[in-house]
Amino acid sequence: MIRTVINIDEEKCTGCGLCVNACHEGAIALVDGKARLMRDDFCDGLGDCLPACPADAITFTKREAAAYDPVAVANAKKEKSMTNQTSASEPVFAEQHTGCPGSRMRTIEHRAAEPAAFDGSVAEAAAEAPVATVTAESQLENWPVQIKLAPTRAPYFDGANLLIAADCCSYAYGNFHHDFIRNRTVVIGCPKLDGTDYSEKLAEIIATNDIKSVTITRMEVPCCGGLEQMAKRALQMSGKFIPWQVVTFSLDGRILD
């Protein structure tokens, strides 16, 4: 049948993920860093996603498309809800971990930093062109840090000041460990590359643990706004009223706000 559905211009799309969150039917997903209409029968043609797009990449189009199927949409939502409830009912502990060893939950204890050992060639080069060096100790105290891999409940979340960071921040801002990771429990993500809406998982972390505060760090680029919106939505969904702040970095490493 010919009907109105959305059209996404991938050339304009920045991959911020805001349209994914705005689509109540779950018709849109991020694929390879770009928004894509996944199922015609999930698109009701009302366009809740249009005003959410900061790049004007979404428009209406009339074309041959499957009829909107509210029953299929409802079933998909129910299945997703049941999956989330099952995950929430199962405590996650390090000793129960299976799968990739790199995603096993752990707490990190730091020892005093020791001077790095150099071979003779490096020492000779340093003597010819002396450069002042500082050994900065890691402030990371929890693992895993990627939101997709992080457990929703863990001992290090209790009483934590939670840092939700866009993963580019630590590369742009040189003192990120000292100024932001220190004394915080950190989770990181990229709304453009991860292709996942983290709102529900972040909301569960906040709701089921004794989180004292939330700091959101992001880059100035538009796609990073997706992570900020996910974190803000998570705070609302959690039902908790806790202190929160957003810090934005410029590409050259300055704090913009």
Protein backbone atom coordinates (compact mmCIF):
# COMPACT_ATOMS: atom_id res chain seq x y z
CA MET A 1 0.00 0.00 0.00
CA ILE A 2 1.04 3.63 -0.54
CA ARG A 3 1.32 5.52 2.73
CA THR A 4 3.39 8.10 4.57
CA VAL A 5 6.50 6.92 6.39
CA ILE A 6 9.74 8.60 7.39
CA ASN A 7 12.83 8.88 5.24
CA ILE A 8 16.32 9.23 6.76
CA ASP A 9 19.06 10.97 4.80
CA GLU A 10 22.20 9.08 5.84
CA GLU A 11 24.43 11.83 4.41
CA LYS A 12 22.97 14.33 6.89
CA CYS A 13 22.63 11.90 9.79
CA THR A 14 25.22 12.47 12.53
CA GLY A 15 24.37 9.28 14.41
CA CYS A 16 23.38 11.12 17.60
CA GLY A 17 20.62 8.59 18.33
CA LEU A 18 18.01 11.14 19.41
CA CYS A 19 15.52 9.86 16.84
CA VAL A 20 15.92 6.33 18.19
CA ASN A 21 14.86 7.55 21.61
CA ALA A 22 12.02 9.67 20.20
CA CYS A 23 10.46 6.79 18.24
CA HIS A 24 8.00 5.19 20.66
CA GLU A 25 7.37 2.30 18.26
CA GLY A 26 11.00 1.16 18.08
CA ALA A 27 11.10 1.53 14.30
CA ILE A 28 14.52 3.22 14.19
CA ALA A 29 17.95 1.91 15.20
CA LEU A 30 21.55 2.97 14.73
CA VAL A 31 23.35 0.81 12.19
CA ASP A 32 27.04 1.47 11.50
CA GLY A 33 26.72 4.86 13.18
CA LYS A 34 23.68 5.97 11.13
CA ALA A 35 19.97 6.03 11.94
CA ARG A 36 17.93 3.60 9.88
CA LEU A 37 14.23 2.74 9.60
CA MET A 38 14.29 -0.95 10.46
CA ARG A 39 10.66 -1.93 9.85
CA ASP A 40 8.03 -0.13 7.79
CA ASP A 41 5.22 -1.77 9.78
CA PHE A 42 6.60 -0.23 12.99
CA CYS A 43 6.46 3.33 11.59
CA ASP A 44 3.11 5.00 12.32
CA GLY A 45 3.94 7.96 10.08
CA LEU A 46 3.26 10.52 12.83
CA GLY A 47 6.86 11.71 12.89
CA ASP A 48 7.69 12.06 16.58
CA CYS A 49 11.29 11.60 15.48
CA LEU A 50 11.36 14.64 13.16
CA PRO A 51 11.70 17.42 15.76
CA ALA A 52 14.25 15.35 17.69
CA CYS A 53 16.74 15.35 14.79
CA PRO A 54 19.25 18.23 15.11
CA ALA A 55 20.58 17.64 11.58
CA ASP A 56 17.22 17.79 9.71
CA ALA A 57 18.01 14.36 8.31
CA ILE A 58 14.44 13.03 8.66
CA THR A 59 11.54 13.87 6.34
CA PHE A 60 8.18 12.38 5.38
CA THR A 61 7.81 10.42 2.18
CA LYS A 62 4.93 8.63 0.49
CA ARG A 63 5.84 5.24 -0.93
CA GLU A 64 4.91 1.60 -1.06
CA ALA A 65 5.19 0.33 2.51
CA ALA A 66 3.70 -2.32 4.76
CA ALA A 67 0.73 -1.18 6.82
CA TYR A 68 1.42 0.02 10.35
CA ASP A 69 1.02 -2.97 12.69
CA PRO A 70 0.26 -1.83 16.28
CA VAL A 71 0.00 -5.45 17.46
CA ALA A 72 3.54 -6.23 16.29
CA VAL A 73 4.77 -3.03 17.95
CA ALA A 74 3.07 -3.95 21.23
CA ASN A 75 4.51 -7.47 21.13
CA ALA A 76 8.01 -6.13 20.49
CA LYS A 77 7.71 -3.73 23.43
CA LYS A 78 6.44 -6.54 25.67
CA GLU A 79 9.31 -8.82 24.67
CA LYS A 80 11.85 -6.07 25.34
CA SER A 81 10.28 -5.33 28.73
CA MET A 82 10.38 -9.01 29.72
CA THR A 83 14.04 -9.23 28.70
CA ASN A 84 14.89 -6.19 30.83
CA GLN A 85 12.97 -7.56 33.82
CA THR A 86 14.76 -10.90 33.56
CA SER A 87 18.13 -9.17 33.49
CA ALA A 88 17.19 -7.01 36.48
CA SER A 89 16.11 -10.04 38.57
CA GLU A 90 19.46 -11.78 38.24
CA PRO A 91 22.24 -10.34 40.45
CA VAL A 92 25.56 -10.02 38.71
CA PHE A 93 28.70 -10.97 40.62
CA ALA A 94 32.26 -11.57 39.48
CA GLU A 95 32.27 -15.23 40.48
CA GLN A 96 29.18 -15.87 38.33
CA HIS A 97 30.71 -14.36 35.21
CA THR A 98 30.86 -16.40 32.05
CA GLY A 99 32.01 -15.42 28.59
CA CYS A 100 34.74 -12.95 27.70
CA PRO A 101 37.26 -12.65 30.58
CA GLY A 102 37.76 -9.00 29.67
CA SER A 103 34.23 -8.11 30.78
CA ARG A 104 34.48 -9.74 34.24
CA MET A 105 33.49 -7.30 36.98
CA ARG A 106 36.34 -6.26 39.23
CA THR A 107 37.52 -3.53 41.58
CA ILE A 108 40.92 -2.02 40.84
CA GLU A 109 43.43 -1.22 43.58
CA HIS A 110 46.32 1.05 42.67
CA ARG A 111 49.89 0.80 43.94
CA ALA A 112 52.25 3.73 44.15
CA ALA A 113 53.58 4.62 40.72
CA GLU A 114 57.13 3.44 39.99
CA PRO A 115 59.59 5.06 37.60
CA ALA A 116 59.50 3.51 34.16
CA ALA A 117 62.53 1.50 33.08
CA PHE A 118 64.12 2.58 29.80
CA ASP A 119 66.66 0.86 27.63
CA GLY A 120 69.93 2.53 26.71
CA SER A 121 68.81 3.89 23.34
CA VAL A 122 65.87 5.73 24.88
CA ALA A 123 68.07 7.10 27.66
CA GLU A 124 70.62 8.39 25.15
CA ALA A 125 67.90 10.09 23.14
CA ALA A 126 66.52 11.69 26.29
CA ALA A 127 69.97 12.99 27.21
CA GLU A 128 70.31 14.70 23.86
CA ALA A 129 66.87 16.32 24.06
CA PRO A 130 65.80 16.40 27.73
CA VAL A 131 62.06 16.59 28.29
CA ALA A 132 60.32 16.93 31.65
CA THR A 133 58.06 13.94 32.26
CA VAL A 134 55.36 13.26 34.84
CA THR A 135 54.02 9.82 35.69
CA ALA A 136 50.27 10.11 36.16
CA GLU A 137 48.63 7.34 38.16
CA SER A 138 45.40 5.84 36.87
CA GLN A 139 42.34 6.76 38.94
CA LEU A 140 40.10 4.04 37.51
CA GLU A 141 38.58 1.89 40.28
CA ASN A 142 35.99 -0.26 38.49
CA TRP A 143 35.79 -2.63 35.54
CA PRO A 144 34.26 -3.07 33.00
CA VAL A 145 33.64 0.53 32.06
CA GLN A 146 31.81 0.16 28.73
CA ILE A 147 28.10 0.69 29.41
CA LYS A 148 27.17 -2.30 27.26
CA LEU A 149 29.38 -4.59 29.39
CA ALA A 150 28.86 -3.01 32.81
CA PRO A 151 26.67 -4.85 35.35
CA THR A 152 23.53 -3.08 36.54
CA ARG A 153 24.29 -3.94 40.14
CA ALA A 154 27.75 -4.07 41.67
CA PRO A 155 29.37 -3.24 45.02
CA TYR A 156 31.28 -0.32 43.50
CA PHE A 157 28.01 1.42 42.56
CA ASP A 158 26.85 1.66 46.19
CA GLY A 159 27.51 5.14 47.52
CA ALA A 160 29.16 6.06 44.21
CA ASN A 161 29.46 9.35 42.42
CA LEU A 162 28.66 8.07 38.92
CA LEU A 163 30.53 9.38 35.88
CA ILE A 164 28.80 8.77 32.53
CA ALA A 165 31.44 9.69 29.96
CA ALA A 166 31.60 9.84 26.20
CA ASP A 167 34.66 7.75 25.47
CA CYS A 168 36.47 10.48 23.49
CA CYS A 169 36.60 12.80 26.52
CA SER A 170 39.61 11.11 28.10
CA TYR A 171 41.61 11.67 24.90
CA ALA A 172 40.65 15.33 24.46
CA TYR A 173 41.05 16.46 28.07
CA GLY A 174 44.55 15.71 29.31
CA ASN A 175 43.79 15.70 33.04
CA PHE A 176 40.65 13.59 32.75
CA HIS A 177 41.74 10.93 35.26
CA HIS A 178 42.60 13.42 37.99
CA ASP A 179 39.72 15.83 37.47
CA PHE A 180 36.88 13.46 36.60
CA ILE A 181 37.61 9.75 37.14
CA ARG A 182 39.17 10.27 40.59
CA ASN A 183 36.68 9.35 43.34
CA ARG A 184 34.03 8.38 40.81
CA THR A 185 32.71 5.13 39.37
CA VAL A 186 32.85 5.43 35.61
CA VAL A 187 30.90 4.03 32.66
CA ILE A 188 31.61 5.08 29.08
CA GLY A 189 29.84 4.89 25.74
CA CYS A 190 29.50 6.38 22.28
CA PRO A 191 25.96 6.93 20.95
CA LYS A 192 27.23 7.09 17.37
CA LEU A 193 29.30 3.91 17.29
CA ASP A 194 27.62 1.70 19.91
CA GLY A 195 24.25 1.74 18.13
CA THR A 196 22.39 1.23 21.42
CA ASP A 197 20.00 3.29 23.52
CA TYR A 198 21.48 3.11 27.01
CA SER A 199 18.64 5.00 28.74
CA GLU A 200 17.03 1.94 30.35
CA LYS A 201 20.27 0.36 31.50
CA LEU A 202 21.56 3.61 32.99
CA ALA A 203 18.18 4.12 34.68
CA GLU A 204 18.44 0.66 36.22
CA ILE A 205 21.95 1.35 37.50
CA ILE A 206 20.76 4.58 39.13
CA ALA A 207 17.52 3.09 40.47
CA THR A 208 18.92 -0.13 41.96
CA ASN A 209 22.09 1.26 43.52
CA ASP A 210 22.82 3.99 46.05
CA ILE A 211 24.13 6.54 43.55
CA LYS A 212 25.01 9.85 45.24
CA SER A 213 25.52 12.04 42.16
CA VAL A 214 25.82 11.85 38.39
CA THR A 215 28.34 13.68 36.20
CA ILE A 216 27.93 13.50 32.42
CA THR A 217 30.93 14.38 30.26
CA ARG A 218 30.62 14.79 26.50
CA MET A 219 32.39 16.32 23.53
CA GLU A 220 31.13 19.42 21.74
CA VAL A 221 30.25 17.47 18.56
CA PRO A 222 26.48 17.00 17.95
CA CYS A 223 26.50 13.19 18.09
CA CYS A 224 27.66 13.34 21.72
CA GLY A 225 24.35 14.97 22.56
CA GLY A 226 22.83 11.51 22.28
CA LEU A 227 24.68 10.29 25.37
CA GLU A 228 23.67 13.39 27.30
CA GLN A 229 20.01 12.85 26.41
CA MET A 230 20.21 9.16 27.36
CA ALA A 231 21.69 10.05 30.76
CA LYS A 232 19.08 12.75 31.43
CA ARG A 233 16.29 10.38 30.43
CA ALA A 234 17.79 7.71 32.71
CA LEU A 235 17.70 10.11 35.64
CA GLN A 236 14.01 10.79 34.97
CA MET A 237 13.20 7.09 34.54
CA SER A 238 14.98 6.17 37.78
CA GLY A 239 12.51 8.19 39.83
CA LYS A 240 15.35 9.53 41.98
CA PHE A 241 16.25 13.15 42.62
CA ILE A 242 20.03 13.32 42.90
CA PRO A 243 22.57 16.03 42.00
CA TRP A 244 23.76 15.92 38.39
CA GLN A 245 25.83 18.02 36.02
CA VAL A 246 26.95 18.06 32.39
CA VAL A 247 30.49 19.01 31.36
CA THR A 248 31.28 19.62 27.68
CA PHE A 249 34.79 19.53 26.21
CA SER A 250 36.01 21.20 23.06
CA LEU A 251 38.02 19.24 20.52
CA ASP A 252 41.18 21.03 21.68
CA GLY A 253 40.64 19.98 25.28
CA ARG A 254 38.98 22.98 26.87
CA ILE A 255 36.02 22.81 29.26
CA LEU A 256 33.18 24.72 27.58
CA ASP A 257 30.64 24.66 30.39
